[in-house]
Amino acid sequence: MTKFIGILKSIREQLNKSDRDEVEVTVCER
């Protein structure tokens, strides 16, 4: 689970845009 969280953080840092909100929503849905 720790690795999974690390990947999410990396994705957020890479996007660092409005797309970040979409990623967070997808995570919440899962």
Protein backbone atom coordinates (compact mmCIF):
# COMPACT_ATOMS: atom_id res chain seq x y z
CA MET A 1 0.00 0.00 0.00
CA THR A 2 2.90 2.33 0.72
CA LYS A 3 4.18 1.91 -2.85
CA PHE A 4 0.71 2.63 -4.18
CA ILE A 5 0.57 5.92 -2.25
CA GLY A 6 4.05 6.81 -3.49
CA ILE A 7 2.95 6.28 -7.08
CA LEU A 8 -0.07 8.52 -6.56
CA LYS A 9 2.15 11.28 -5.16
CA SER A 10 4.48 10.95 -8.15
CA ILE A 11 1.55 11.24 -10.55
CA ARG A 12 0.27 14.34 -8.76
CA GLU A 13 3.69 15.96 -8.91
CA GLN A 14 4.05 15.15 -12.61
CA LEU A 15 0.62 16.55 -13.48
CA ASN A 16 0.64 19.48 -11.03
CA LYS A 17 -2.33 20.86 -12.99
CA SER A 18 -6.12 20.88 -12.95
CA ASP A 19 -5.81 17.23 -14.05
CA ARG A 20 -4.66 16.54 -10.50
CA ASP A 21 -8.27 17.00 -9.30
CA GLU A 22 -9.41 14.33 -11.76
CA VAL A 23 -6.77 11.93 -10.43
CA GLU A 24 -7.87 12.54 -6.84
CA VAL A 25 -11.50 11.92 -7.80
CA THR A 26 -10.55 8.62 -9.45
CA VAL A 27 -8.72 7.53 -6.31
CA CYS A 28 -11.75 8.40 -4.15
CA GLU A 29 -14.02 6.38 -6.42
CA ARG A 30 -11.72 3.37 -6.10
